[in-house]
Amino acid sequence: MIRFAGTAVAVTGAASGIGRALASEFAARGCDLALADVDESGLRTLADELARIHGAEVLTRRMDVSDRAQVEDFARESATRFPQLCILINNAGVALHGQFDELDLTQIEWLMGINFWGVVYGTHAFLPLFQRQRWAHIVNVSSIFGIIAPPGNCAYVASKFAVRGFSESVRHELVMNSSPVRISVVHPGGVKTNIARSSRAGAHLRDASSQSETLARFDQLARTTPIEAARRIIRGIERNEPRILIGRDARLMDLIQRLRPARYWAMMARAVGRLGGSARPAKPR
């Protein structure tokens, strides 16, 4: 069993949602934290809370994960401040609603810069530092939409499939090279965070009401709380699980995809309908 007390954890996208819950859960287990987010005010509030309640030492930095230089600076500063740093959670992410012909390419580039390149930059910056530790763990947050590909989410799906493929390949390399660093990829289903509400709409969206309908479905189907998701991720780290599914909906969708890998969509739409939604699943985390 991993002993978290006395270690340090770096979390991106830490000011809200799953990232905030992870910071709180790790602090409760005796960890110090290096936290990054574009929401500087939210980070300060969280850092004060963690220091007051848990006595954690917290480093906070405003950081855009799509900026390679900022990520590299964060990694160096985190490792200098916390020599015991051995866990990285690449959690920062954004969403984009719309079919392919409703999106501008610049919107897709923006999303890929955060959701995919943010994970690549984080892994690249922290991995050499972690290779010197007795053990270390990198957690890259994908989505159930890194396993299934529903319509109306092509950009988000592409980024989350990319995170999954990248993470699995690097994990295989680390095992092959007998590295002390482990990698898990996380696939949450519907988690009660603000990612859906803060999602951007396609620049050429034909039906403006479709985004509000998506939010309504999300509110109806998102059953997992951020704290539940954080605890599931921590349990996955403890068990060195390569793939961490979060939520009953994620497990169901994963099962259907395994049963019908090329023709799962008709079954998926019916299953989502039975859960109380429509033929278009709500956007997971």
Protein backbone atom coordinates (compact mmCIF):
# COMPACT_ATOMS: atom_id res chain seq x y z
CA MET A 1 0.00 0.00 0.00
CA ILE A 2 1.30 3.45 -0.96
CA ARG A 3 1.97 5.85 1.89
CA PHE A 4 0.90 9.32 0.76
CA ALA A 5 1.83 11.18 3.96
CA GLY A 6 5.07 13.07 3.52
CA THR A 7 4.86 13.18 -0.28
CA ALA A 8 3.86 16.06 -2.55
CA VAL A 9 1.39 16.16 -5.42
CA ALA A 10 1.11 18.50 -8.42
CA VAL A 11 -2.40 19.11 -9.81
CA THR A 12 -3.40 21.15 -12.87
CA GLY A 13 -6.90 22.55 -13.17
CA ALA A 14 -6.92 22.58 -9.37
CA ALA A 15 -9.20 25.53 -8.63
CA SER A 16 -12.50 23.69 -9.15
CA GLY A 17 -14.18 20.37 -9.84
CA ILE A 18 -12.18 17.15 -9.70
CA GLY A 19 -8.88 19.05 -9.38
CA ARG A 20 -10.03 20.89 -6.27
CA ALA A 21 -11.42 17.69 -4.75
CA LEU A 22 -8.14 15.89 -5.43
CA ALA A 23 -6.16 18.66 -3.73
CA SER A 24 -8.40 18.41 -0.66
CA GLU A 25 -8.21 14.62 -0.52
CA PHE A 26 -4.43 14.53 -0.87
CA ALA A 27 -4.02 17.26 1.77
CA ALA A 28 -6.19 15.20 4.13
CA ARG A 29 -3.76 12.32 3.60
CA GLY A 30 -0.76 14.41 4.65
CA CYS A 31 0.51 15.58 1.26
CA ASP A 32 1.88 18.97 0.29
CA LEU A 33 0.53 20.45 -2.92
CA ALA A 34 1.70 22.27 -6.05
CA LEU A 35 -1.47 23.62 -7.64
CA ALA A 36 -1.94 25.29 -11.02
CA ASP A 37 -4.94 26.82 -12.77
CA VAL A 38 -5.89 29.87 -14.83
CA ASP A 39 -8.21 30.84 -11.95
CA GLU A 40 -5.73 32.56 -9.65
CA SER A 41 -8.36 33.71 -7.15
CA GLY A 42 -9.77 30.21 -6.84
CA LEU A 43 -6.29 28.83 -6.21
CA ARG A 44 -5.62 31.31 -3.41
CA THR A 45 -8.90 30.46 -1.71
CA LEU A 46 -8.16 26.74 -1.97
CA ALA A 47 -4.59 27.14 -0.69
CA ASP A 48 -5.77 29.06 2.36
CA GLU A 49 -8.37 26.38 3.08
CA LEU A 50 -5.89 23.51 2.78
CA ALA A 51 -3.34 25.23 5.01
CA ARG A 52 -5.95 26.07 7.63
CA ILE A 53 -7.73 22.71 7.76
CA HIS A 54 -4.93 20.25 7.01
CA GLY A 55 -1.73 22.20 7.67
CA ALA A 56 -0.56 21.50 4.12
CA GLU A 57 2.21 23.50 2.48
CA VAL A 58 0.83 24.74 -0.83
CA LEU A 59 2.48 26.27 -3.88
CA THR A 60 0.07 27.94 -6.30
CA ARG A 61 0.73 29.21 -9.79
CA ARG A 62 -1.51 30.74 -12.43
CA MET A 63 -0.75 28.61 -15.46
CA ASP A 64 -2.06 28.02 -18.96
CA VAL A 65 -1.29 24.35 -19.66
CA SER A 66 -1.21 25.01 -23.40
CA ASP A 67 1.91 27.16 -22.85
CA ARG A 68 4.91 24.81 -22.77
CA ALA A 69 7.22 27.30 -21.07
CA GLN A 70 4.75 27.91 -18.24
CA VAL A 71 4.36 24.17 -17.65
CA GLU A 72 8.13 23.65 -17.59
CA ASP A 73 8.58 26.50 -15.12
CA PHE A 74 5.85 25.02 -12.91
CA ALA A 75 7.54 21.61 -12.94
CA ARG A 76 10.93 23.03 -11.99
CA GLU A 77 9.52 25.23 -9.24
CA SER A 78 7.37 22.41 -7.84
CA ALA A 79 10.31 19.98 -7.68
CA THR A 80 12.55 22.60 -6.07
CA ARG A 81 9.96 23.49 -3.46
CA PHE A 82 9.01 19.87 -2.80
CA PRO A 83 11.87 17.38 -3.25
CA GLN A 84 9.40 14.69 -2.19
CA LEU A 85 7.13 15.42 -5.19
CA CYS A 86 6.12 12.11 -6.76
CA ILE A 87 2.56 12.46 -8.14
CA LEU A 88 1.29 14.55 -11.06
CA ILE A 89 -2.39 14.88 -11.98
CA ASN A 90 -2.83 16.31 -15.49
CA ASN A 91 -6.43 17.33 -14.90
CA ALA A 92 -6.97 20.68 -16.67
CA GLY A 93 -9.50 20.49 -19.49
CA VAL A 94 -12.11 22.37 -21.51
CA ALA A 95 -15.10 21.41 -23.66
CA LEU A 96 -16.42 22.47 -27.05
CA HIS A 97 -19.97 21.75 -28.26
CA GLY A 98 -20.85 21.35 -31.91
CA GLN A 99 -20.67 19.13 -34.96
CA PHE A 100 -17.54 19.28 -37.10
CA ASP A 101 -18.98 21.65 -39.71
CA GLU A 102 -20.17 23.99 -36.92
CA LEU A 103 -16.64 24.52 -35.55
CA ASP A 104 -13.83 26.81 -36.59
CA LEU A 105 -10.44 25.14 -36.83
CA THR A 106 -9.11 27.75 -34.42
CA GLN A 107 -11.60 26.46 -31.83
CA ILE A 108 -10.34 22.90 -32.27
CA GLU A 109 -6.74 24.08 -32.00
CA TRP A 110 -7.59 25.91 -28.76
CA LEU A 111 -9.18 22.80 -27.27
CA MET A 112 -6.35 20.48 -28.36
CA GLY A 113 -3.80 22.89 -26.89
CA ILE A 114 -5.33 22.48 -23.44
CA ASN A 115 -6.77 18.97 -23.42
CA PHE A 116 -4.00 17.15 -25.32
CA TRP A 117 -0.88 19.29 -25.44
CA GLY A 118 -1.38 20.25 -21.80
CA VAL A 119 -1.10 16.56 -20.90
CA VAL A 120 1.91 16.06 -23.17
CA TYR A 121 3.69 19.14 -21.79
CA GLY A 122 2.99 18.12 -18.20
CA THR A 123 4.19 14.56 -18.72
CA HIS A 124 7.30 15.74 -20.58
CA ALA A 125 8.22 18.29 -17.92
CA PHE A 126 7.68 16.12 -14.84
CA LEU A 127 8.82 12.70 -16.10
CA PRO A 128 12.61 13.34 -15.90
CA LEU A 129 12.15 14.66 -12.35
CA PHE A 130 10.11 11.61 -11.38
CA GLN A 131 12.66 9.16 -12.79
CA ARG A 132 14.90 10.03 -9.83
CA GLN A 133 12.27 9.06 -7.25
CA ARG A 134 11.86 5.66 -5.62
CA TRP A 135 8.35 5.61 -7.07
CA ALA A 136 6.18 8.14 -8.86
CA HIS A 137 2.80 8.23 -10.55
CA ILE A 138 1.40 10.33 -13.41
CA VAL A 139 -2.39 10.50 -13.81
CA ASN A 140 -3.74 11.80 -17.11
CA VAL A 141 -7.44 12.64 -17.13
CA SER A 142 -9.22 11.58 -20.32
CA SER A 143 -12.99 10.95 -20.37
CA ILE A 144 -15.47 8.22 -21.19
CA PHE A 145 -15.41 10.16 -24.47
CA GLY A 146 -11.88 8.80 -24.82
CA ILE A 147 -13.51 5.36 -25.21
CA ILE A 148 -16.72 6.18 -27.11
CA ALA A 149 -17.31 8.82 -29.77
CA PRO A 150 -20.82 10.34 -29.74
CA PRO A 151 -21.89 12.89 -32.35
CA GLY A 152 -21.67 16.59 -31.60
CA ASN A 153 -18.40 16.25 -29.67
CA CYS A 154 -15.78 15.52 -32.34
CA ALA A 155 -13.16 17.96 -31.05
CA TYR A 156 -13.53 16.93 -27.41
CA VAL A 157 -13.55 13.25 -28.39
CA ALA A 158 -10.41 13.66 -30.49
CA SER A 159 -8.53 15.25 -27.59
CA LYS A 160 -9.59 12.59 -25.09
CA PHE A 161 -8.82 9.67 -27.42
CA ALA A 162 -5.41 11.29 -27.94
CA VAL A 163 -4.82 11.48 -24.18
CA ARG A 164 -5.73 7.81 -23.85
CA GLY A 165 -3.46 6.64 -26.68
CA PHE A 166 -0.55 8.80 -25.59
CA SER A 167 -0.83 7.66 -21.96
CA GLU A 168 -1.10 3.96 -22.78
CA SER A 169 1.89 4.02 -25.12
CA VAL A 170 4.10 5.91 -22.65
CA ARG A 171 3.01 3.57 -19.86
CA HIS A 172 4.10 0.57 -21.93
CA GLU A 173 7.45 2.25 -22.56
CA LEU A 174 7.97 2.88 -18.85
CA VAL A 175 7.19 -0.74 -17.98
CA MET A 176 9.50 -1.97 -20.72
CA ASN A 177 12.30 0.22 -19.35
CA SER A 178 11.71 -0.81 -15.70
CA SER A 179 10.99 2.80 -14.75
CA PRO A 180 9.83 3.68 -11.22
CA VAL A 181 7.19 5.92 -12.82
CA ARG A 182 3.67 4.58 -13.35
CA ILE A 183 0.89 6.07 -15.47
CA SER A 184 -2.88 5.81 -15.11
CA VAL A 185 -5.44 7.24 -17.51
CA VAL A 186 -8.79 8.31 -16.05
CA HIS A 187 -12.13 8.02 -17.84
CA PRO A 188 -14.86 9.85 -15.88
CA GLY A 189 -18.47 9.67 -16.91
CA GLY A 190 -20.85 12.39 -15.76
CA VAL A 191 -19.28 14.25 -12.85
CA LYS A 192 -20.95 17.28 -11.27
CA THR A 193 -18.41 19.89 -12.34
CA ASN A 194 -18.61 23.14 -14.30
CA ILE A 195 -16.94 21.82 -17.46
CA ALA A 196 -20.24 21.49 -19.34
CA ARG A 197 -21.52 24.91 -18.23
CA SER A 198 -18.24 26.58 -19.17
CA SER A 199 -18.02 24.79 -22.53
CA ARG A 200 -17.77 26.84 -25.69
CA ALA A 201 -20.22 26.52 -28.56
CA GLY A 202 -19.24 26.08 -32.17
CA ALA A 203 -18.85 29.37 -34.01
CA HIS A 204 -21.35 28.24 -36.65
CA LEU A 205 -23.80 26.36 -34.40
CA ARG A 206 -27.04 25.88 -36.32
CA ASP A 207 -29.27 25.37 -33.29
CA ALA A 208 -28.47 27.57 -30.30
CA SER A 209 -30.89 25.61 -28.13
CA SER A 210 -28.86 22.41 -28.51
CA GLN A 211 -26.26 23.61 -26.00
CA SER A 212 -28.89 24.34 -23.35
CA GLU A 213 -30.40 20.91 -24.00
CA THR A 214 -26.97 19.36 -23.46
CA LEU A 215 -26.68 21.17 -20.11
CA ALA A 216 -30.10 19.92 -19.06
CA ARG A 217 -29.11 16.34 -19.89
CA PHE A 218 -25.83 16.77 -18.04
CA ASP A 219 -27.64 17.94 -14.89
CA GLN A 220 -29.92 14.92 -15.14
CA LEU A 221 -27.26 12.29 -15.80
CA ALA A 222 -24.25 13.53 -13.81
CA ARG A 223 -24.52 11.40 -10.70
CA THR A 224 -20.91 11.35 -9.45
CA THR A 225 -19.59 14.10 -7.17
CA PRO A 226 -16.06 15.50 -7.53
CA ILE A 227 -15.12 14.06 -4.12
CA GLU A 228 -16.28 10.60 -5.20
CA ALA A 229 -14.26 10.96 -8.41
CA ALA A 230 -11.17 12.10 -6.49
CA ARG A 231 -11.35 9.17 -4.08
CA ARG A 232 -11.73 6.76 -6.98
CA ILE A 233 -8.63 8.22 -8.64
CA ILE A 234 -6.62 7.94 -5.43
CA ARG A 235 -7.72 4.33 -5.03
CA GLY A 236 -6.58 3.74 -8.62
CA ILE A 237 -3.16 5.20 -7.81
CA GLU A 238 -2.89 2.93 -4.77
CA ARG A 239 -3.67 -0.11 -6.91
CA ASN A 240 -1.60 1.06 -9.90
CA GLU A 241 -4.63 0.70 -12.18
CA PRO A 242 -3.76 1.50 -15.80
CA ARG A 243 -7.35 2.55 -16.58
CA ILE A 244 -9.62 4.20 -14.01
CA LEU A 245 -13.32 4.33 -14.90
CA ILE A 246 -15.43 6.70 -12.80
CA GLY A 247 -19.17 6.31 -12.42
CA ARG A 248 -21.80 3.73 -13.27
CA ASP A 249 -22.44 5.46 -16.59
CA ALA A 250 -18.79 5.19 -17.59
CA ARG A 251 -18.68 1.50 -16.72
CA LEU A 252 -21.88 0.86 -18.70
CA MET A 253 -20.68 2.74 -21.79
CA ASP A 254 -17.32 0.98 -21.63
CA LEU A 255 -19.07 -2.40 -21.49
CA ILE A 256 -21.33 -1.61 -24.46
CA GLN A 257 -18.33 -0.46 -26.49
CA ARG A 258 -16.53 -3.70 -25.70
CA LEU A 259 -19.55 -5.75 -26.80
CA ARG A 260 -20.05 -3.80 -30.05
CA PRO A 261 -16.73 -2.04 -30.75
CA ALA A 262 -17.64 -0.89 -34.26
CA ARG A 263 -21.44 -0.57 -33.97
CA TYR A 264 -22.08 0.45 -30.38
CA TRP A 265 -23.92 3.71 -31.02
CA ALA A 266 -27.46 2.32 -31.43
CA MET A 267 -27.12 0.36 -28.16
CA MET A 268 -25.54 3.36 -26.45
CA ALA A 269 -28.38 5.69 -27.37
CA ARG A 270 -30.96 3.27 -26.00
CA ALA A 271 -28.98 2.78 -22.77
CA VAL A 272 -28.70 6.52 -22.20
CA GLY A 273 -32.44 6.84 -22.76
CA ARG A 274 -33.10 4.27 -20.04
CA LEU A 275 -30.91 6.29 -17.66
CA GLY A 276 -33.24 9.24 -18.15
CA GLY A 277 -31.67 11.12 -21.04
CA SER A 278 -32.11 11.25 -24.78
CA ALA A 279 -30.26 9.68 -27.69
CA ARG A 280 -27.43 12.18 -27.19
CA PRO A 281 -25.46 11.57 -23.97
CA ALA A 282 -24.54 14.52 -21.78
CA LYS A 283 -20.96 15.67 -21.82
CA PRO A 284 -18.90 13.86 -19.17
CA ARG A 285 -15.91 15.30 -17.43
